[in-house]
Amino acid sequence: MPAVLDHLLVPARDRRAAAERLAAILDVPWSAQAAMGPFSAVYVSDDLTLDFDEVAAGAVPLQHVAFRVSDAEFDALLARLQALGIAWRSTPGGPDDFQVNPHGGGRIVYWREPDGHAWEALTRSYARRP
């Protein structure tokens, strides 16, 4: 069996607020307290949990996480970003341009969260083996 990513720690200044916000954007369940450890969990899928871990002080190490979604899920996610007043962009590090990137025949958007992490939603993976 190939390895499957099960969970990932995401540093945050306010773990509960960060988890709740991402869960609202992805429209997935979350918990203020994870089953193990001092984390707030976002249940991205049956296979993946993001555990938000609160950092004590100083800079939060930035991460980039990409979520592959269906076209219908992409449309719904974009609508939630709009409804929540969250800016998005078509490039990983560019300005918020409220555009969708059509790279590789799919659709991609990026958005930042308050701690500076870069989130990405895409309909067609550009990271898979040819």
N, C-alpha and C. Protein backbone atom coordinates (compact mmCIF):
# COMPACT_ATOMS: atom_id res chain seq x y z
N MET A 1 0.85 -1.18 0.00
CA MET A 1 0.00 0.00 0.00
C MET A 1 0.89 1.24 0.00
N PRO A 2 0.62 2.19 -0.88
CA PRO A 2 1.39 3.42 -0.86
C PRO A 2 1.05 4.24 0.39
N ALA A 3 1.98 5.07 0.80
CA ALA A 3 1.74 5.93 1.95
C ALA A 3 0.64 6.94 1.63
N VAL A 4 -0.17 7.24 2.63
CA VAL A 4 -1.23 8.24 2.51
C VAL A 4 -1.03 9.26 3.61
N LEU A 5 -1.05 10.53 3.27
CA LEU A 5 -0.93 11.57 4.28
C LEU A 5 -2.16 11.52 5.18
N ASP A 6 -1.96 11.34 6.48
CA ASP A 6 -3.04 11.18 7.43
C ASP A 6 -3.40 12.50 8.12
N HIS A 7 -2.39 13.19 8.65
CA HIS A 7 -2.63 14.47 9.28
C HIS A 7 -1.39 15.34 9.18
N LEU A 8 -1.61 16.63 9.32
CA LEU A 8 -0.55 17.60 9.18
C LEU A 8 -0.75 18.68 10.22
N LEU A 9 0.32 19.10 10.90
CA LEU A 9 0.24 20.19 11.86
C LEU A 9 0.37 21.52 11.14
N VAL A 10 -0.51 22.46 11.48
CA VAL A 10 -0.47 23.79 10.90
C VAL A 10 -0.32 24.79 12.05
N PRO A 11 0.80 25.53 12.10
CA PRO A 11 0.98 26.49 13.18
C PRO A 11 0.04 27.69 13.03
N ALA A 12 -0.44 28.20 14.16
CA ALA A 12 -1.37 29.32 14.15
C ALA A 12 -1.24 30.13 15.45
N ARG A 13 -1.55 31.41 15.38
CA ARG A 13 -1.57 32.22 16.59
C ARG A 13 -2.81 31.90 17.42
N ASP A 14 -3.92 31.63 16.75
CA ASP A 14 -5.17 31.26 17.41
C ASP A 14 -5.69 30.02 16.70
N ARG A 15 -5.37 28.86 17.25
CA ARG A 15 -5.67 27.60 16.58
C ARG A 15 -7.16 27.41 16.33
N ARG A 16 -7.97 27.79 17.29
CA ARG A 16 -9.42 27.61 17.15
C ARG A 16 -9.97 28.49 16.02
N ALA A 17 -9.61 29.76 16.00
CA ALA A 17 -10.11 30.67 14.96
C ALA A 17 -9.63 30.24 13.57
N ALA A 18 -8.36 29.82 13.47
CA ALA A 18 -7.82 29.39 12.18
C ALA A 18 -8.53 28.13 11.68
N ALA A 19 -8.76 27.19 12.57
CA ALA A 19 -9.44 25.95 12.18
C ALA A 19 -10.88 26.22 11.77
N GLU A 20 -11.56 27.04 12.54
CA GLU A 20 -12.96 27.35 12.23
C GLU A 20 -13.08 28.06 10.88
N ARG A 21 -12.16 28.98 10.59
CA ARG A 21 -12.20 29.72 9.32
C ARG A 21 -11.97 28.78 8.13
N LEU A 22 -10.93 27.93 8.22
CA LEU A 22 -10.66 27.02 7.10
C LEU A 22 -11.81 26.03 6.92
N ALA A 23 -12.36 25.53 7.99
CA ALA A 23 -13.50 24.60 7.89
C ALA A 23 -14.68 25.26 7.19
N ALA A 24 -14.91 26.54 7.48
CA ALA A 24 -16.01 27.27 6.83
C ALA A 24 -15.75 27.43 5.34
N ILE A 25 -14.51 27.71 4.97
CA ILE A 25 -14.16 27.87 3.55
C ILE A 25 -14.31 26.55 2.81
N LEU A 26 -13.81 25.46 3.42
CA LEU A 26 -13.87 24.15 2.77
C LEU A 26 -15.22 23.45 2.94
N ASP A 27 -16.05 23.98 3.84
CA ASP A 27 -17.34 23.38 4.17
C ASP A 27 -17.17 21.95 4.67
N VAL A 28 -16.28 21.81 5.66
CA VAL A 28 -16.01 20.52 6.29
C VAL A 28 -16.11 20.66 7.80
N PRO A 29 -16.27 19.56 8.53
CA PRO A 29 -16.36 19.65 9.99
C PRO A 29 -15.01 19.99 10.63
N TRP A 30 -15.10 20.50 11.85
CA TRP A 30 -13.90 20.81 12.62
C TRP A 30 -14.22 20.62 14.09
N SER A 31 -13.17 20.60 14.90
CA SER A 31 -13.34 20.47 16.34
C SER A 31 -12.36 21.40 17.04
N ALA A 32 -12.83 22.09 18.07
CA ALA A 32 -11.95 22.97 18.83
C ALA A 32 -10.85 22.18 19.53
N GLN A 33 -11.12 20.91 19.82
CA GLN A 33 -10.15 20.05 20.50
C GLN A 33 -10.03 18.74 19.73
N ALA A 34 -8.82 18.42 19.27
CA ALA A 34 -8.59 17.17 18.54
C ALA A 34 -8.63 15.98 19.49
N ALA A 35 -8.75 14.80 18.94
CA ALA A 35 -8.79 13.57 19.74
C ALA A 35 -7.49 13.37 20.52
N MET A 36 -6.37 13.77 19.94
CA MET A 36 -5.07 13.65 20.61
C MET A 36 -4.34 14.98 20.52
N GLY A 37 -3.78 15.41 21.60
CA GLY A 37 -2.95 16.60 21.61
C GLY A 37 -3.73 17.89 21.72
N PRO A 38 -3.00 18.98 21.91
CA PRO A 38 -3.62 20.30 22.10
C PRO A 38 -3.88 21.02 20.77
N PHE A 39 -4.64 20.39 19.91
CA PHE A 39 -4.86 20.92 18.57
C PHE A 39 -6.34 21.17 18.32
N SER A 40 -6.62 22.03 17.33
CA SER A 40 -7.96 22.18 16.78
C SER A 40 -7.91 21.52 15.41
N ALA A 41 -8.81 20.57 15.18
CA ALA A 41 -8.75 19.72 13.99
C ALA A 41 -9.75 20.14 12.93
N VAL A 42 -9.29 20.14 11.69
CA VAL A 42 -10.16 20.32 10.53
C VAL A 42 -10.15 19.00 9.78
N TYR A 43 -11.33 18.41 9.62
CA TYR A 43 -11.46 17.10 8.99
C TYR A 43 -11.70 17.31 7.49
N VAL A 44 -10.59 17.45 6.75
CA VAL A 44 -10.63 17.79 5.34
C VAL A 44 -11.34 16.70 4.54
N SER A 45 -11.04 15.45 4.86
CA SER A 45 -11.66 14.31 4.18
C SER A 45 -11.59 13.11 5.12
N ASP A 46 -12.07 11.97 4.66
CA ASP A 46 -11.97 10.75 5.47
C ASP A 46 -10.51 10.34 5.67
N ASP A 47 -9.62 10.86 4.83
CA ASP A 47 -8.22 10.47 4.87
C ASP A 47 -7.28 11.52 5.45
N LEU A 48 -7.72 12.76 5.60
CA LEU A 48 -6.81 13.83 5.99
C LEU A 48 -7.41 14.76 7.03
N THR A 49 -6.63 15.00 8.08
CA THR A 49 -6.98 15.98 9.12
C THR A 49 -5.86 17.00 9.20
N LEU A 50 -6.23 18.28 9.28
CA LEU A 50 -5.26 19.33 9.55
C LEU A 50 -5.42 19.70 11.02
N ASP A 51 -4.35 19.55 11.79
CA ASP A 51 -4.36 19.87 13.21
C ASP A 51 -3.68 21.21 13.42
N PHE A 52 -4.46 22.22 13.80
CA PHE A 52 -3.91 23.55 14.05
C PHE A 52 -3.30 23.57 15.43
N ASP A 53 -2.04 23.97 15.49
CA ASP A 53 -1.24 23.98 16.71
C ASP A 53 -0.89 25.43 17.03
N GLU A 54 -1.22 25.88 18.22
CA GLU A 54 -0.98 27.26 18.60
C GLU A 54 0.50 27.47 18.93
N VAL A 55 1.08 28.50 18.33
CA VAL A 55 2.47 28.85 18.62
C VAL A 55 2.48 29.86 19.76
N ALA A 56 3.47 29.76 20.61
CA ALA A 56 3.52 30.60 21.81
C ALA A 56 3.82 32.06 21.46
N ALA A 57 4.87 32.31 20.74
CA ALA A 57 5.26 33.68 20.42
C ALA A 57 6.15 33.66 19.19
N GLY A 58 6.30 34.83 18.62
CA GLY A 58 7.19 34.94 17.46
C GLY A 58 6.48 34.67 16.15
N ALA A 59 7.28 34.57 15.12
CA ALA A 59 6.75 34.38 13.78
C ALA A 59 6.18 32.97 13.60
N VAL A 60 5.11 32.89 12.85
CA VAL A 60 4.50 31.61 12.52
C VAL A 60 5.18 31.09 11.25
N PRO A 61 5.74 29.87 11.28
CA PRO A 61 6.33 29.31 10.06
C PRO A 61 5.24 29.14 8.99
N LEU A 62 5.46 29.72 7.83
CA LEU A 62 4.42 29.71 6.79
C LEU A 62 4.40 28.40 6.04
N GLN A 63 3.19 28.00 5.67
CA GLN A 63 3.00 26.78 4.90
C GLN A 63 2.12 27.07 3.69
N HIS A 64 2.23 26.19 2.72
CA HIS A 64 1.36 26.23 1.54
C HIS A 64 0.69 24.87 1.45
N VAL A 65 -0.64 24.87 1.40
CA VAL A 65 -1.40 23.63 1.30
C VAL A 65 -2.38 23.77 0.14
N ALA A 66 -2.40 22.77 -0.74
CA ALA A 66 -3.29 22.78 -1.90
C ALA A 66 -4.35 21.69 -1.74
N PHE A 67 -5.59 22.06 -2.05
CA PHE A 67 -6.72 21.13 -1.98
C PHE A 67 -7.25 20.91 -3.38
N ARG A 68 -7.25 19.65 -3.85
CA ARG A 68 -7.84 19.33 -5.15
C ARG A 68 -9.32 19.05 -4.94
N VAL A 69 -10.16 19.74 -5.71
CA VAL A 69 -11.61 19.63 -5.56
C VAL A 69 -12.25 19.45 -6.94
N SER A 70 -13.49 19.02 -6.94
CA SER A 70 -14.23 18.89 -8.20
C SER A 70 -14.63 20.29 -8.69
N ASP A 71 -15.11 20.36 -9.92
CA ASP A 71 -15.57 21.65 -10.45
C ASP A 71 -16.71 22.23 -9.61
N ALA A 72 -17.65 21.39 -9.22
CA ALA A 72 -18.77 21.86 -8.40
C ALA A 72 -18.28 22.34 -7.04
N GLU A 73 -17.35 21.60 -6.44
CA GLU A 73 -16.79 22.01 -5.15
C GLU A 73 -16.00 23.31 -5.28
N PHE A 74 -15.31 23.49 -6.39
CA PHE A 74 -14.56 24.72 -6.64
C PHE A 74 -15.52 25.91 -6.68
N ASP A 75 -16.62 25.76 -7.44
CA ASP A 75 -17.61 26.84 -7.53
C ASP A 75 -18.16 27.19 -6.15
N ALA A 76 -18.45 26.17 -5.34
CA ALA A 76 -18.99 26.40 -4.01
C ALA A 76 -17.95 27.06 -3.10
N LEU A 77 -16.70 26.62 -3.19
CA LEU A 77 -15.63 27.21 -2.39
C LEU A 77 -15.44 28.68 -2.75
N LEU A 78 -15.44 29.00 -4.03
CA LEU A 78 -15.29 30.38 -4.47
C LEU A 78 -16.46 31.23 -3.96
N ALA A 79 -17.66 30.69 -3.98
CA ALA A 79 -18.82 31.40 -3.45
C ALA A 79 -18.68 31.64 -1.95
N ARG A 80 -18.12 30.67 -1.22
CA ARG A 80 -17.91 30.86 0.23
C ARG A 80 -16.85 31.92 0.49
N LEU A 81 -15.77 31.94 -0.30
CA LEU A 81 -14.77 32.99 -0.14
C LEU A 81 -15.42 34.36 -0.33
N GLN A 82 -16.26 34.49 -1.35
CA GLN A 82 -16.96 35.75 -1.60
C GLN A 82 -17.87 36.10 -0.43
N ALA A 83 -18.66 35.15 0.03
CA ALA A 83 -19.61 35.40 1.12
C ALA A 83 -18.90 35.77 2.42
N LEU A 84 -17.71 35.19 2.65
CA LEU A 84 -16.96 35.47 3.86
C LEU A 84 -16.09 36.73 3.74
N GLY A 85 -16.08 37.34 2.56
CA GLY A 85 -15.28 38.54 2.34
C GLY A 85 -13.78 38.28 2.32
N ILE A 86 -13.39 37.09 1.85
CA ILE A 86 -11.98 36.71 1.80
C ILE A 86 -11.46 36.91 0.39
N ALA A 87 -10.41 37.70 0.26
CA ALA A 87 -9.81 37.98 -1.04
C ALA A 87 -9.06 36.75 -1.55
N TRP A 88 -9.01 36.62 -2.88
CA TRP A 88 -8.27 35.52 -3.49
C TRP A 88 -7.50 36.07 -4.68
N ARG A 89 -6.63 35.21 -5.18
CA ARG A 89 -5.77 35.62 -6.29
C ARG A 89 -5.52 34.44 -7.22
N SER A 90 -4.93 34.74 -8.37
CA SER A 90 -4.69 33.71 -9.38
C SER A 90 -3.25 33.19 -9.35
N THR A 91 -2.39 33.77 -8.52
CA THR A 91 -1.00 33.34 -8.42
C THR A 91 -0.64 33.08 -6.96
N PRO A 92 0.36 32.22 -6.72
CA PRO A 92 0.69 31.88 -5.34
C PRO A 92 1.09 33.05 -4.46
N GLY A 93 1.86 34.00 -5.01
CA GLY A 93 2.36 35.08 -4.17
C GLY A 93 2.04 36.46 -4.65
N GLY A 94 1.19 36.58 -5.62
CA GLY A 94 0.89 37.90 -6.18
C GLY A 94 -0.17 38.65 -5.39
N PRO A 95 -0.61 39.76 -5.96
CA PRO A 95 -1.64 40.55 -5.29
C PRO A 95 -3.01 39.87 -5.40
N ASP A 96 -3.90 40.22 -4.50
CA ASP A 96 -5.27 39.71 -4.56
C ASP A 96 -5.94 40.34 -5.78
N ASP A 97 -6.18 39.54 -6.81
CA ASP A 97 -6.74 40.06 -8.06
C ASP A 97 -8.14 39.53 -8.35
N PHE A 98 -8.68 38.69 -7.45
CA PHE A 98 -10.02 38.14 -7.60
C PHE A 98 -10.21 37.45 -8.94
N GLN A 99 -9.13 36.82 -9.43
CA GLN A 99 -9.15 36.09 -10.69
C GLN A 99 -8.92 34.61 -10.44
N VAL A 100 -9.36 33.79 -11.40
CA VAL A 100 -9.15 32.35 -11.36
C VAL A 100 -8.10 32.01 -12.40
N ASN A 101 -7.11 31.21 -12.02
CA ASN A 101 -6.04 30.80 -12.93
C ASN A 101 -6.50 29.55 -13.69
N PRO A 102 -6.46 29.57 -15.04
CA PRO A 102 -6.90 28.41 -15.83
C PRO A 102 -5.77 27.44 -16.16
N HIS A 103 -4.71 27.40 -15.38
CA HIS A 103 -3.52 26.58 -15.66
C HIS A 103 -3.87 25.12 -15.93
N GLY A 104 -3.30 24.58 -16.98
CA GLY A 104 -3.44 23.16 -17.29
C GLY A 104 -4.84 22.69 -17.60
N GLY A 105 -5.71 23.61 -17.99
CA GLY A 105 -7.07 23.23 -18.32
C GLY A 105 -7.98 23.09 -17.11
N GLY A 106 -7.47 23.40 -15.93
CA GLY A 106 -8.29 23.38 -14.71
C GLY A 106 -8.50 24.79 -14.20
N ARG A 107 -8.83 24.90 -12.94
CA ARG A 107 -9.01 26.21 -12.31
C ARG A 107 -8.28 26.20 -10.96
N ILE A 108 -7.64 27.33 -10.66
CA ILE A 108 -6.87 27.46 -9.42
C ILE A 108 -7.14 28.82 -8.80
N VAL A 109 -7.30 28.84 -7.48
CA VAL A 109 -7.29 30.10 -6.72
C VAL A 109 -6.43 29.90 -5.48
N TYR A 110 -5.91 31.00 -4.98
CA TYR A 110 -5.10 31.04 -3.77
C TYR A 110 -5.69 32.08 -2.84
N TRP A 111 -5.58 31.85 -1.54
CA TRP A 111 -5.97 32.86 -0.57
C TRP A 111 -5.08 32.74 0.65
N ARG A 112 -4.94 33.83 1.38
CA ARG A 112 -4.14 33.85 2.60
C ARG A 112 -5.06 33.74 3.79
N GLU A 113 -4.50 33.23 4.85
CA GLU A 113 -5.25 33.25 6.11
C GLU A 113 -4.50 34.17 7.06
N PRO A 114 -5.12 34.56 8.17
CA PRO A 114 -4.52 35.58 9.03
C PRO A 114 -3.07 35.33 9.47
N ASP A 115 -2.65 34.09 9.61
CA ASP A 115 -1.27 33.81 9.99
C ASP A 115 -0.31 33.84 8.81
N GLY A 116 -0.82 34.04 7.60
CA GLY A 116 0.03 34.16 6.42
C GLY A 116 0.16 32.92 5.57
N HIS A 117 -0.42 31.80 6.01
CA HIS A 117 -0.34 30.58 5.20
C HIS A 117 -1.02 30.81 3.85
N ALA A 118 -0.51 30.16 2.83
CA ALA A 118 -1.09 30.25 1.49
C ALA A 118 -1.89 28.98 1.23
N TRP A 119 -3.18 29.13 1.05
CA TRP A 119 -4.06 28.01 0.72
C TRP A 119 -4.34 28.05 -0.77
N GLU A 120 -4.55 26.90 -1.35
CA GLU A 120 -4.81 26.79 -2.78
C GLU A 120 -5.92 25.78 -3.01
N ALA A 121 -6.81 26.10 -3.94
CA ALA A 121 -7.82 25.14 -4.40
C ALA A 121 -7.64 25.00 -5.91
N LEU A 122 -7.61 23.75 -6.38
CA LEU A 122 -7.42 23.50 -7.79
C LEU A 122 -8.30 22.33 -8.24
N THR A 123 -8.69 22.39 -9.50
CA THR A 123 -9.55 21.33 -10.04
C THR A 123 -8.76 20.27 -10.79
N ARG A 124 -7.54 20.58 -11.19
CA ARG A 124 -6.69 19.62 -11.90
C ARG A 124 -5.28 19.73 -11.35
N SER A 125 -4.75 18.63 -10.87
CA SER A 125 -3.42 18.66 -10.27
C SER A 125 -2.34 18.86 -11.30
N TYR A 126 -1.39 19.73 -10.98
CA TYR A 126 -0.20 19.91 -11.81
C TYR A 126 0.99 19.21 -11.13
N ALA A 127 0.76 18.56 -10.00
CA ALA A 127 1.83 17.92 -9.24
C ALA A 127 1.90 16.40 -9.45
N ARG A 128 0.98 15.83 -10.17
CA ARG A 128 0.95 14.38 -10.39
C ARG A 128 1.99 13.98 -11.41
N ARG A 129 2.40 12.74 -11.33
CA ARG A 129 3.33 12.20 -12.33
C ARG A 129 2.62 12.15 -13.68
N PRO A 130 3.40 12.39 -14.75
CA PRO A 130 2.78 12.33 -16.10
C PRO A 130 2.32 10.91 -16.43
